[in-house]
Protein backbone atom coordinates (compact mmCIF):
# COMPACT_ATOMS: atom_id res chain seq x y z
CA MET A 1 103.91 -32.90 61.32
CA LYS A 2 102.55 -32.34 57.82
CA PRO A 3 100.41 -35.06 56.17
CA ILE A 4 101.53 -37.59 53.60
CA TRP A 5 100.10 -36.77 50.18
CA ILE A 6 98.95 -39.66 47.97
CA VAL A 7 98.40 -38.93 44.27
CA ASP A 8 96.94 -41.79 42.21
CA ASP A 9 94.01 -42.18 39.86
CA ASP A 10 93.44 -45.71 41.21
CA GLU A 11 91.05 -45.37 44.16
CA SER A 12 91.96 -48.80 45.54
CA ILE A 13 95.65 -47.85 45.86
CA ARG A 14 94.73 -44.58 47.58
CA TRP A 15 92.47 -46.48 49.99
CA VAL A 16 95.07 -49.13 50.86
CA LEU A 17 97.78 -46.55 51.54
CA GLU A 18 95.41 -44.35 53.56
CA LYS A 19 94.40 -47.26 55.82
CA ALA A 20 97.96 -48.52 56.26
CA LEU A 21 99.28 -45.08 57.18
CA ALA A 22 96.31 -44.43 59.50
CA ARG A 23 97.31 -47.55 61.46
CA GLU A 24 100.70 -45.87 61.93
CA ASN A 25 98.95 -42.69 63.17
CA LEU A 26 100.12 -40.78 60.10
CA ALA A 27 97.82 -38.20 58.54
CA THR A 28 97.19 -38.39 54.80
CA ARG A 29 95.67 -36.30 52.02
CA SER A 30 94.71 -37.91 48.72
CA PHE A 31 94.37 -36.65 45.16
CA SER A 32 93.06 -38.45 42.10
CA ASN A 33 95.22 -36.48 39.67
CA ALA A 34 98.42 -34.47 39.52
CA ARG A 35 96.71 -31.17 38.64
CA ASP A 36 94.79 -31.06 41.95
CA ALA A 37 98.02 -31.77 43.84
CA MET A 38 99.81 -28.97 41.97
CA GLU A 39 96.99 -26.59 42.86
CA ALA A 40 97.17 -27.60 46.54
CA LEU A 41 100.91 -26.92 46.54
CA LYS A 42 100.17 -23.20 46.19
CA ASP A 43 98.83 -23.14 49.77
CA SER A 44 100.62 -25.97 51.57
CA ALA A 45 103.13 -28.78 51.21
CA PRO A 46 103.29 -32.39 52.43
CA GLN A 47 105.90 -34.09 54.58
CA VAL A 48 106.27 -36.75 51.88
CA LEU A 49 104.53 -37.15 48.52
CA VAL A 50 103.65 -40.54 46.99
CA SER A 51 102.59 -40.36 43.35
CA ASP A 52 101.71 -42.72 40.54
CA ILE A 53 103.76 -42.11 37.42
CA ARG A 54 101.00 -42.64 34.80
CA MET A 55 97.73 -40.77 35.32
CA PRO A 56 95.24 -38.98 33.08
CA GLY A 57 96.41 -35.44 32.43
CA GLU A 58 99.72 -34.44 33.95
CA SER A 59 102.04 -37.33 34.80
CA GLY A 60 103.81 -38.10 38.04
CA LEU A 61 107.07 -36.94 36.42
CA GLU A 62 105.54 -33.52 35.70
CA LEU A 63 104.34 -33.34 39.30
CA LEU A 64 107.83 -34.30 40.47
CA GLN A 65 109.35 -31.51 38.37
CA THR A 66 106.92 -28.96 39.83
CA ILE A 67 107.62 -30.05 43.40
CA LYS A 68 111.39 -30.02 43.02
CA ALA A 69 111.21 -26.48 41.64
CA LYS A 70 109.28 -25.24 44.69
CA HIS A 71 110.41 -27.64 47.44
CA PRO A 72 113.74 -29.23 46.46
CA GLY A 73 114.15 -31.01 49.80
CA LEU A 74 110.71 -32.67 49.78
CA PRO A 75 110.99 -36.49 49.34
CA VAL A 76 108.87 -37.85 46.47
CA ILE A 77 108.15 -41.57 46.09
CA ILE A 78 107.07 -42.63 42.60
CA ILE A 79 104.73 -45.60 42.06
CA THR A 80 105.46 -47.45 38.83
CA ALA A 81 104.65 -50.73 37.11
CA PHE A 82 107.47 -53.16 36.34
CA SER A 83 107.11 -52.21 32.65
CA ASP A 84 107.79 -48.59 33.59
CA LEU A 85 111.37 -49.05 34.76
CA ASP A 86 112.61 -46.58 32.17
CA SER A 87 110.27 -44.06 33.74
CA ALA A 88 111.61 -45.00 37.16
CA VAL A 89 115.10 -44.14 35.96
CA ALA A 90 113.79 -40.82 34.70
CA ALA A 91 112.18 -40.27 38.10
CA PHE A 92 115.52 -40.73 39.85
CA GLN A 93 117.14 -38.33 37.45
CA GLY A 94 114.41 -35.86 38.34
CA GLY A 95 115.19 -36.13 42.04
CA ALA A 96 112.77 -38.82 43.28
CA PHE A 97 113.55 -40.26 46.71
CA GLU A 98 112.64 -43.84 45.75
CA TYR A 99 110.09 -45.78 43.71
CA LEU A 100 107.49 -48.45 44.49
CA ALA A 101 107.01 -51.12 41.84
CA LYS A 102 103.46 -52.46 41.38
CA PRO A 103 102.26 -54.67 42.89
CA PHE A 104 103.96 -53.58 46.10
CA ASP A 105 103.99 -55.00 49.61
CA ILE A 106 102.09 -52.59 51.84
CA ASP A 107 104.41 -53.07 54.84
CA LYS A 108 107.44 -52.29 52.67
CA ALA A 109 105.61 -49.26 51.31
CA VAL A 110 104.98 -47.95 54.83
CA GLU A 111 108.62 -48.59 55.76
CA LEU A 112 109.76 -46.66 52.69
CA ILE A 113 107.44 -43.76 53.52
CA ARG A 114 108.83 -43.68 57.07
CA ARG A 115 112.38 -43.47 55.70
CA ALA A 116 111.32 -40.62 53.47
CA MET A 117 109.76 -38.89 56.49
CA GLU A 118 113.02 -39.17 58.41
CA GLU A 119 114.85 -37.56 55.49
CA SER A 120 112.21 -34.83 55.30
CA LEU A 121 112.47 -34.09 59.01
CA ARG A 122 116.27 -34.00 58.76
CA GLU A 123 116.00 -31.45 55.97
CA THR A 124 113.49 -29.39 57.94
CA SER A 125 115.67 -29.39 61.05
CA VAL A 126 118.50 -27.60 59.24
CA GLU A 127 116.32 -24.96 57.64
CA TYR A 128 116.55 -21.64 59.34
CA ASP A 129 113.88 -18.98 59.59
CA SER A 130 115.60 -15.63 59.62
CA ALA A 131 112.63 -14.12 61.47
CA ASP A 132 113.64 -16.13 64.52
CA THR A 133 117.19 -14.81 64.58
CA PRO A 134 118.06 -13.67 68.10
CA GLU A 135 119.74 -10.33 68.60
CA ILE A 136 123.26 -10.15 70.01
CA LEU A 137 123.69 -8.55 73.42
CA GLY A 138 126.76 -6.51 74.24
CA GLN A 139 127.64 -2.97 75.28
CA ALA A 140 131.41 -3.36 75.68
CA PRO A 141 133.65 -1.53 73.20
CA ALA A 142 134.99 -4.88 71.95
CA MET A 143 131.45 -5.97 71.03
CA GLN A 144 130.69 -2.62 69.43
CA ASP A 145 133.60 -3.30 67.08
CA VAL A 146 131.96 -6.60 66.18
CA PHE A 147 128.63 -4.86 65.53
CA ARG A 148 130.33 -2.32 63.27
CA ALA A 149 132.01 -5.12 61.32
CA ILE A 150 128.67 -6.89 60.83
CA GLY A 151 127.21 -3.63 59.58
CA ARG A 152 130.03 -3.10 57.07
CA LEU A 153 129.63 -6.66 55.79
CA SER A 154 125.81 -6.49 55.64
CA GLN A 155 125.55 -6.10 51.86
CA SER A 156 128.53 -8.27 51.00
CA ASN A 157 128.78 -11.90 49.93
CA VAL A 158 132.46 -12.12 50.83
CA THR A 159 133.79 -15.15 52.73
CA VAL A 160 134.32 -14.45 56.45
CA LEU A 161 136.53 -16.25 58.97
CA ILE A 162 135.37 -15.83 62.58
CA THR A 163 137.94 -16.54 65.28
CA GLY A 164 137.51 -16.67 69.02
CA GLU A 165 137.57 -18.94 72.04
CA SER A 166 135.09 -21.78 72.50
CA GLY A 167 131.77 -20.59 73.84
CA SER A 168 132.21 -16.98 72.75
CA GLY A 169 129.30 -17.07 70.27
CA LYS A 170 130.85 -17.54 66.83
CA GLU A 171 127.79 -19.20 65.33
CA LEU A 172 125.58 -16.41 66.60
CA VAL A 173 127.72 -13.85 64.77
CA ALA A 174 127.55 -15.98 61.62
CA ARG A 175 123.76 -15.96 61.87
CA ALA A 176 123.78 -12.19 62.28
CA LEU A 177 125.95 -11.85 59.16
CA HIS A 178 123.42 -13.98 57.29
CA LYS A 179 120.40 -12.13 58.64
CA HIS A 180 121.72 -8.76 57.49
CA SER A 181 122.94 -9.98 54.10
CA PRO A 182 121.16 -10.09 50.72
CA ARG A 183 120.74 -13.84 51.31
CA ALA A 184 118.64 -13.38 54.47
CA SER A 185 115.51 -14.93 52.94
CA GLN A 186 117.43 -18.08 51.97
CA PRO A 187 118.61 -20.97 54.21
CA PHE A 188 121.28 -20.68 56.88
CA ILE A 189 122.90 -24.09 57.30
CA ALA A 190 125.38 -24.79 60.12
CA LEU A 191 127.78 -27.73 60.36
CA ASN A 192 130.33 -28.42 63.09
CA THR A 193 133.09 -30.17 61.17
CA ALA A 194 134.67 -31.44 64.39
CA ALA A 195 131.45 -33.17 65.46
CA ILE A 196 131.05 -35.39 62.37
CA PRO A 197 133.15 -38.57 62.02
CA LYS A 198 135.72 -38.28 59.24
CA ASP A 199 134.12 -41.08 57.21
CA LEU A 200 130.73 -39.31 57.17
CA LEU A 201 131.83 -35.71 56.80
CA GLU A 202 132.27 -35.84 53.03
CA SER A 203 128.73 -37.14 52.54
CA GLU A 204 127.40 -34.62 55.06
CA LEU A 205 128.98 -31.74 53.13
CA PHE A 206 128.45 -32.81 49.53
CA GLY A 207 125.69 -35.44 49.72
CA HIS A 208 125.78 -38.85 48.09
CA GLU A 209 124.17 -40.78 45.27
CA ARG A 210 122.07 -43.86 45.80
CA GLY A 211 124.34 -46.90 46.09
CA ALA A 212 127.49 -44.82 46.57
CA PHE A 213 128.37 -46.94 49.60
CA THR A 214 126.84 -49.58 51.86
CA GLY A 215 123.70 -48.17 53.42
CA ALA A 216 123.22 -45.40 50.83
CA GLN A 217 119.70 -46.50 49.94
CA ALA A 218 118.66 -43.16 48.51
CA THR A 219 120.19 -40.03 47.04
CA ARG A 220 120.88 -37.49 49.79
CA ARG A 221 121.47 -33.78 49.48
CA GLY A 222 124.50 -32.44 51.33
CA ARG A 223 124.82 -29.18 53.24
CA PHE A 224 126.04 -27.29 50.18
CA GLU A 225 122.83 -28.15 48.32
CA GLN A 226 120.69 -27.40 51.36
CA ALA A 227 122.29 -23.96 51.64
CA GLU A 228 121.77 -23.09 47.96
CA ASP A 229 121.43 -19.31 47.52
CA GLY A 230 121.98 -18.94 51.27
CA THR A 231 124.81 -19.24 53.80
CA LEU A 232 126.80 -22.27 54.92
CA PHE A 233 128.49 -21.93 58.31
CA LEU A 234 131.41 -24.31 58.86
CA ASP A 235 132.31 -24.32 62.54
CA GLU A 236 135.66 -25.63 63.83
CA ILE A 237 137.08 -25.52 60.31
CA GLY A 238 140.56 -26.07 61.74
CA ASP A 239 139.64 -29.69 62.50
CA MET A 240 138.56 -30.56 58.96
CA PRO A 241 140.47 -33.61 57.62
CA PHE A 242 143.24 -32.68 55.19
CA ASP A 243 141.80 -34.57 52.20
CA LEU A 244 138.42 -32.87 52.58
CA GLN A 245 140.13 -29.50 52.69
CA THR A 246 141.09 -30.09 49.06
CA ARG A 247 137.47 -30.66 48.06
CA LEU A 248 136.33 -27.60 49.97
CA LEU A 249 139.01 -25.51 48.26
CA ARG A 250 137.66 -26.53 44.86
CA VAL A 251 134.13 -25.47 45.77
CA LEU A 252 135.40 -22.11 46.98
CA SER A 253 137.53 -21.72 43.83
CA ASP A 254 135.10 -22.57 41.03
CA GLY A 255 131.77 -23.18 42.79
CA HIS A 256 131.40 -26.79 41.61
CA PHE A 257 131.32 -30.07 43.52
CA TYR A 258 130.31 -33.72 43.13
CA ARG A 259 128.16 -35.83 45.40
CA VAL A 260 129.87 -38.91 46.80
CA GLY A 261 129.54 -41.54 44.05
CA GLY A 262 128.32 -38.92 41.59
CA HIS A 263 129.64 -38.04 38.14
CA GLN A 264 127.57 -34.94 37.42
CA PRO A 265 129.09 -31.66 38.66
CA LEU A 266 126.74 -29.51 40.72
CA LYS A 267 126.93 -25.73 40.95
CA ALA A 268 126.94 -24.18 44.42
CA ASN A 269 125.74 -20.61 44.92
CA VAL A 270 126.58 -20.47 48.61
CA ARG A 271 128.25 -17.92 50.87
CA VAL A 272 130.69 -19.68 53.20
CA ILE A 273 131.36 -18.41 56.71
CA ALA A 274 133.94 -20.39 58.68
CA ALA A 275 134.91 -20.30 62.34
CA THR A 276 137.62 -21.74 64.54
CA HIS A 277 139.06 -21.39 68.02
CA GLN A 278 142.44 -22.61 66.78
CA ASN A 279 145.42 -20.72 65.42
CA LEU A 280 145.13 -21.53 61.72
CA GLU A 281 148.47 -19.93 60.91
CA GLN A 282 150.14 -22.35 63.32
CA ARG A 283 148.24 -25.31 61.85
CA VAL A 284 149.41 -24.24 58.38
CA ARG A 285 153.02 -24.19 59.62
CA GLU A 286 152.51 -27.66 61.12
CA GLY A 287 151.19 -29.00 57.82
CA LEU A 288 147.72 -29.72 59.26
CA PHE A 289 145.85 -27.09 57.26
CA ARG A 290 146.20 -26.17 53.59
CA GLU A 291 147.74 -22.75 53.10
CA ASP A 292 145.75 -22.09 49.92
CA LEU A 293 142.49 -22.93 51.71
CA TYR A 294 143.51 -20.67 54.59
CA HIS A 295 143.91 -17.74 52.21
CA ARG A 296 140.56 -18.55 50.55
CA LEU A 297 138.79 -18.47 53.91
CA ASN A 298 140.70 -15.58 55.42
CA VAL A 299 139.26 -12.90 53.11
CA ILE A 300 137.69 -11.01 56.01
CA ARG A 301 138.64 -11.99 59.56
CA LEU A 302 136.31 -11.17 62.42
CA ARG A 303 137.71 -11.77 65.89
CA LEU A 304 135.15 -12.35 68.64
CA PRO A 305 136.30 -11.18 72.10
CA SER A 306 136.33 -13.53 75.07
CA LEU A 307 134.14 -12.75 78.06
CA ARG A 308 137.23 -11.61 79.96
CA GLU A 309 137.58 -8.79 77.45
CA ARG A 310 134.00 -7.64 77.93
CA ARG A 311 133.33 -8.05 81.64
CA GLU A 312 130.99 -5.04 81.61
CA ASP A 313 128.57 -7.21 79.59
CA ILE A 314 128.34 -9.90 82.29
CA PRO A 315 125.47 -8.21 84.24
CA ILE A 316 123.25 -7.76 81.18
CA LEU A 317 124.00 -11.28 79.95
CA THR A 318 123.35 -12.73 83.40
CA ARG A 319 119.98 -11.00 83.70
CA HIS A 320 119.03 -12.21 80.27
CA PHE A 321 120.02 -15.82 80.88
CA LEU A 322 118.26 -15.89 84.25
CA ALA A 323 115.07 -14.61 82.60
CA GLN A 324 115.50 -17.14 79.80
CA SER A 325 115.90 -20.07 82.21
CA ALA A 326 112.89 -18.92 84.20
CA ARG A 327 110.71 -18.86 81.07
CA GLN A 328 111.82 -22.35 80.13
CA LEU A 329 110.97 -23.72 83.58
CA GLY A 330 107.84 -21.63 84.10
CA VAL A 331 109.12 -20.00 87.29
CA GLU A 332 109.87 -16.48 88.45
CA ALA A 333 113.29 -15.21 87.38
CA LYS A 334 116.02 -15.09 90.03
CA ARG A 335 117.76 -11.78 90.80
CA MET A 336 121.43 -11.32 91.60
CA SER A 337 122.39 -9.17 94.57
CA ASP A 338 124.94 -6.43 93.95
CA SER A 339 127.65 -8.38 95.75
CA ALA A 340 126.84 -11.58 93.84
CA MET A 341 126.88 -9.74 90.52
CA GLN A 342 130.19 -8.13 91.39
CA PHE A 343 131.60 -11.54 92.33
CA LEU A 344 130.28 -13.06 89.09
CA SER A 345 131.82 -10.26 87.02
CA GLY A 346 135.24 -11.12 88.46
CA LEU A 347 135.19 -14.79 87.46
CA GLU A 348 137.53 -16.10 84.79
CA LEU A 349 134.81 -18.17 83.04
CA PRO A 350 137.06 -19.91 80.50
CA GLY A 351 133.95 -21.28 78.78
CA ASN A 352 132.89 -17.71 78.00
CA VAL A 353 129.22 -16.88 77.38
CA ARG A 354 128.20 -20.51 77.04
CA GLN A 355 129.58 -21.20 80.51
CA LEU A 356 127.79 -18.14 81.91
CA GLU A 357 124.54 -19.41 80.42
CA ASN A 358 125.03 -22.83 82.04
CA LEU A 359 125.79 -21.15 85.35
CA CYS A 360 122.56 -19.14 85.13
CA ASN A 361 120.65 -22.36 84.46
CA TRP A 362 122.26 -23.86 87.58
CA ILE A 363 121.27 -20.79 89.63
CA THR A 364 117.66 -20.99 88.40
CA VAL A 365 117.39 -24.62 89.46
CA MET A 366 119.55 -24.74 92.58
CA ALA A 367 119.67 -21.30 94.27
CA PRO A 368 117.27 -21.31 97.28
CA GLY A 369 115.86 -17.77 97.22
CA GLN A 370 114.68 -15.28 94.64
CA THR A 371 117.57 -12.94 95.40
CA VAL A 372 120.84 -14.75 94.84
CA GLU A 373 123.73 -13.99 97.19
CA VAL A 374 127.36 -15.05 96.84
CA LYS A 375 126.78 -17.92 99.27
CA ASP A 376 124.08 -19.31 96.93
CA LEU A 377 126.50 -19.77 94.04
CA PRO A 378 128.10 -23.17 93.35
CA PRO A 379 130.52 -23.99 96.20
CA GLU A 380 133.37 -24.54 93.76
CA LEU A 381 133.08 -20.95 92.55
CA ILE A 382 133.28 -19.60 96.08
CA ALA A 383 136.09 -21.92 97.18
CA GLY A 384 138.12 -21.04 94.10
CA GLY A 385 137.98 -17.33 94.85
CA GLY A 386 136.49 -16.59 91.47
CA SER A 387 139.07 -18.53 89.42
CA VAL A 388 137.32 -21.91 89.44
CA SER A 389 134.44 -22.45 87.08
CA VAL A 390 131.53 -24.74 86.47
CA ASN A 391 132.00 -27.04 83.50
CA ALA A 392 132.06 -24.93 80.37
CA SER A 393 130.74 -27.55 78.01
CA SER A 394 127.34 -26.98 76.50
CA SER A 395 124.58 -29.50 76.98
CA GLN A 396 123.72 -29.28 73.30
CA THR A 397 127.15 -29.63 71.83
CA ASP A 398 127.43 -31.26 68.29
CA GLN A 399 123.79 -30.67 66.97
CA PRO A 400 124.67 -29.47 63.25
CA THR A 401 121.68 -27.91 62.90
CA GLU A 402 122.11 -26.38 66.57
CA ALA A 403 121.57 -22.67 67.00
CA ARG A 404 122.62 -22.24 70.60
CA SER A 405 122.24 -18.71 71.93
CA THR A 406 125.59 -17.93 73.48
CA ILE A 407 125.64 -14.18 73.52
CA VAL A 408 122.07 -13.78 72.90
CA ALA A 409 118.66 -14.28 73.90
CA ALA A 410 115.40 -14.02 72.12
CA GLY A 411 113.93 -17.26 70.87
CA ASP A 412 116.26 -19.76 72.55
CA SER A 413 114.35 -22.93 73.36
CA ALA A 414 116.92 -25.11 75.10
CA SER A 415 115.67 -26.97 78.15
CA ALA A 416 117.14 -25.45 81.25
CA SER A 417 116.69 -28.67 83.14
CA ALA A 418 118.96 -30.40 80.65
CA VAL A 419 121.81 -27.96 80.91
CA MET A 420 122.55 -27.92 84.63
CA PRO A 421 126.34 -27.77 84.67
CA ALA A 422 128.38 -30.58 86.08
CA VAL A 423 130.59 -29.38 88.91
CA SER A 424 133.70 -31.02 90.24
CA SER A 425 135.87 -30.46 93.26
CA ILE A 426 138.85 -30.01 90.91
CA PRO A 427 138.76 -27.08 88.47
CA VAL A 428 138.69 -27.61 84.73
CA ALA A 429 141.54 -26.41 82.56
CA THR A 430 141.33 -22.79 81.51
CA SER A 431 142.60 -21.00 78.49
CA GLU A 432 144.95 -18.97 80.69
CA PRO A 433 147.64 -20.29 83.06
CA VAL A 434 146.32 -21.09 86.53
CA GLU A 435 148.60 -20.96 89.54
CA SER A 436 149.33 -24.42 90.82
CA SER A 437 148.37 -23.39 94.34
CA ASN A 438 144.75 -22.81 93.28
CA TRP A 439 143.78 -26.36 92.52
CA THR A 440 146.12 -28.02 95.02
CA THR A 441 144.75 -25.89 97.83
CA LEU A 442 141.23 -26.75 96.74
CA LEU A 443 142.14 -30.43 96.60
CA GLU A 444 143.62 -30.23 100.09
CA SER A 445 140.43 -28.59 101.42
CA GLU A 446 138.23 -31.18 99.75
CA ALA A 447 140.29 -34.06 101.13
CA ALA A 448 140.23 -32.56 104.62
CA ALA A 449 136.45 -32.15 104.48
CA LEU A 450 135.91 -35.73 103.31
CA LEU A 451 138.25 -37.16 105.95
CA ALA A 452 136.59 -35.11 108.67
CA ALA A 453 133.20 -36.39 107.57
CA GLY A 454 134.39 -40.00 107.81
CA GLN A 455 134.10 -40.61 104.07
CA PRO A 456 135.57 -44.06 103.25
CA GLU A 457 138.04 -44.67 100.41
CA VAL A 458 138.87 -41.01 99.99
CA MET A 459 141.97 -41.64 97.92
CA ASP A 460 140.12 -43.89 95.49
CA MET A 461 137.25 -41.41 95.13
CA LEU A 462 139.43 -38.35 94.56
CA GLY A 463 141.83 -40.33 92.39
CA ARG A 464 138.98 -41.37 90.08
CA GLN A 465 137.80 -37.75 89.90
CA PHE A 466 141.33 -36.61 89.08
CA GLU A 467 141.81 -39.21 86.34
CA SER A 468 138.35 -38.56 84.90
CA ILE A 469 138.95 -34.81 84.62
CA LEU A 470 142.38 -35.29 83.05
CA ILE A 471 141.06 -37.71 80.43
CA LYS A 472 137.94 -35.66 79.66
CA THR A 473 140.02 -32.51 79.26
CA ALA A 474 142.48 -34.30 76.98
CA LEU A 475 139.61 -35.71 74.89
CA LYS A 476 138.13 -32.24 74.64
CA HIS A 477 141.43 -30.86 73.33
CA THR A 478 141.72 -33.70 70.80
CA HIS A 479 138.01 -33.55 69.88
CA GLY A 480 137.41 -37.07 71.15
CA ARG A 481 140.41 -38.71 69.50
CA LYS A 482 141.39 -41.32 72.07
CA ASN A 483 144.86 -42.22 70.84
CA ASP A 484 145.89 -38.59 70.46
CA ALA A 485 144.67 -37.92 74.02
CA ALA A 486 146.77 -40.81 75.33
CA VAL A 487 149.89 -39.39 73.67
CA ARG A 488 149.25 -35.96 75.18
CA LEU A 489 148.74 -37.42 78.64
CA GLY A 490 151.81 -39.62 78.35
CA ILE A 491 149.96 -42.90 78.86
CA GLY A 492 149.48 -45.95 76.68
CA ARG A 493 146.61 -46.57 74.30
CA ASN A 494 145.44 -49.63 76.21
CA THR A 495 145.61 -47.69 79.47
CA ILE A 496 143.36 -44.87 78.29
CA THR A 497 140.93 -47.38 76.77
CA ARG A 498 140.68 -49.20 80.10
CA LYS A 499 140.31 -45.95 82.06
CA ILE A 500 137.57 -44.66 79.74
CA HIS A 501 135.66 -47.89 80.30
CA GLU A 502 136.22 -47.96 84.08
CA LEU A 503 135.30 -44.30 84.56
CA GLY A 504 132.31 -44.38 82.21
CA ILE A 505 133.60 -41.55 80.02
CA ALA A 506 131.59 -40.93 76.86
CA GLY A 507 132.52 -39.25 73.61
CA ALA A 508 135.85 -40.97 72.88
CA LYS A 509 136.57 -42.24 69.38
CA GLU A 510 139.38 -43.94 67.53
CA ASP A 511 141.86 -41.69 65.72
């Protein structure tokens, strides 16, 4: 973590802040004037800057202006006397995070600096270094079409709509479009619109002013401001609330927006790339998605193939993910036998590349030998004859600033130990129809095995598994909306609430 910079001509204030922050194990760097701090900014930058407003030479406001020009996301706390409240207002207008009025309570000052640090770290977490962009893997003709499309769009700023099934790597393609565009040196900001509660999504997108609502203790930049001059990737755009679609349409139309609680229009120079696994045309017909927004987004459509359409890529992806998991765990990479690779290439894998990655993590942790045979794969895969799959959900789902490598490889730092897939004796729902005999036969085999082993309360155990999978799958389809899931399952709202509590299911939310 970078140090906290303290700029004040009063040595006693510098000393007090240095000692207080040292007790919190926070590094500091002090300056007696703004000019020295400006000079230091040429070589480095702080995590947070605390500056007096009145100093000999350049003022704290001039320092603030310099910092905001070079590091717009860096939180600056201004120290001011009570008689300088007009200057404090000017500091806020200049983009200050907060101000400290002299004389200040040192504990409150440390608390304020910690809040500023949290904001700084949040900003840093969504910045994207294009040098770390992983390269997409794929030799199948369907992927070559994607590569050609990325090449054609490389020098364009046009809006792109990426469609494809969950887990097929839509964000990775968006990153590739950014990397090969004229905006490559600027930020790439990703936001999963389905992962943010409706009440917070507007602030997340457009930011908010201090005091705009309860808890808004400081002005906060939204994703559009963070992506200035760069690319904003809006994943699962089909789930965006209808009222926010109107605000997004305005930004795409004239490039202006307002922060929540703000009255000053802000200009956005941002390329928008959107993605969805849903049929937007159908959602338009159902009145759930604005037709004018659909046409604004659907300038260039790029369809990403499912893994079923590019089975010839499964061996190269498998080898990559096995090597990746091995590096993360510090072990030797597992190798797939020819028969195991052939078996793997015939799986349905409804979770696409993300599911294959999770499966490779499972193999790295659980397979007994270095050479993996068919018998070493998860029992559910073998029992299902290649049609049953490990859970396709990613262990890092809903991290906005999440660059999960789903088709790709280099530079992925996810912990393999954290992504071991959950397996169940009943298969998850797939995107294609599954014959009813598949899962019922598997259920019959599982019940027979448990009864033969003398397992008590078999019906209760399997019944709980069955209910849990049904509810989790329904919640997945409704993106966690509990009441909507109850309607789809044909049960009451109170019933699903009770079941979620009894079965310990996480991720449900009110509609």
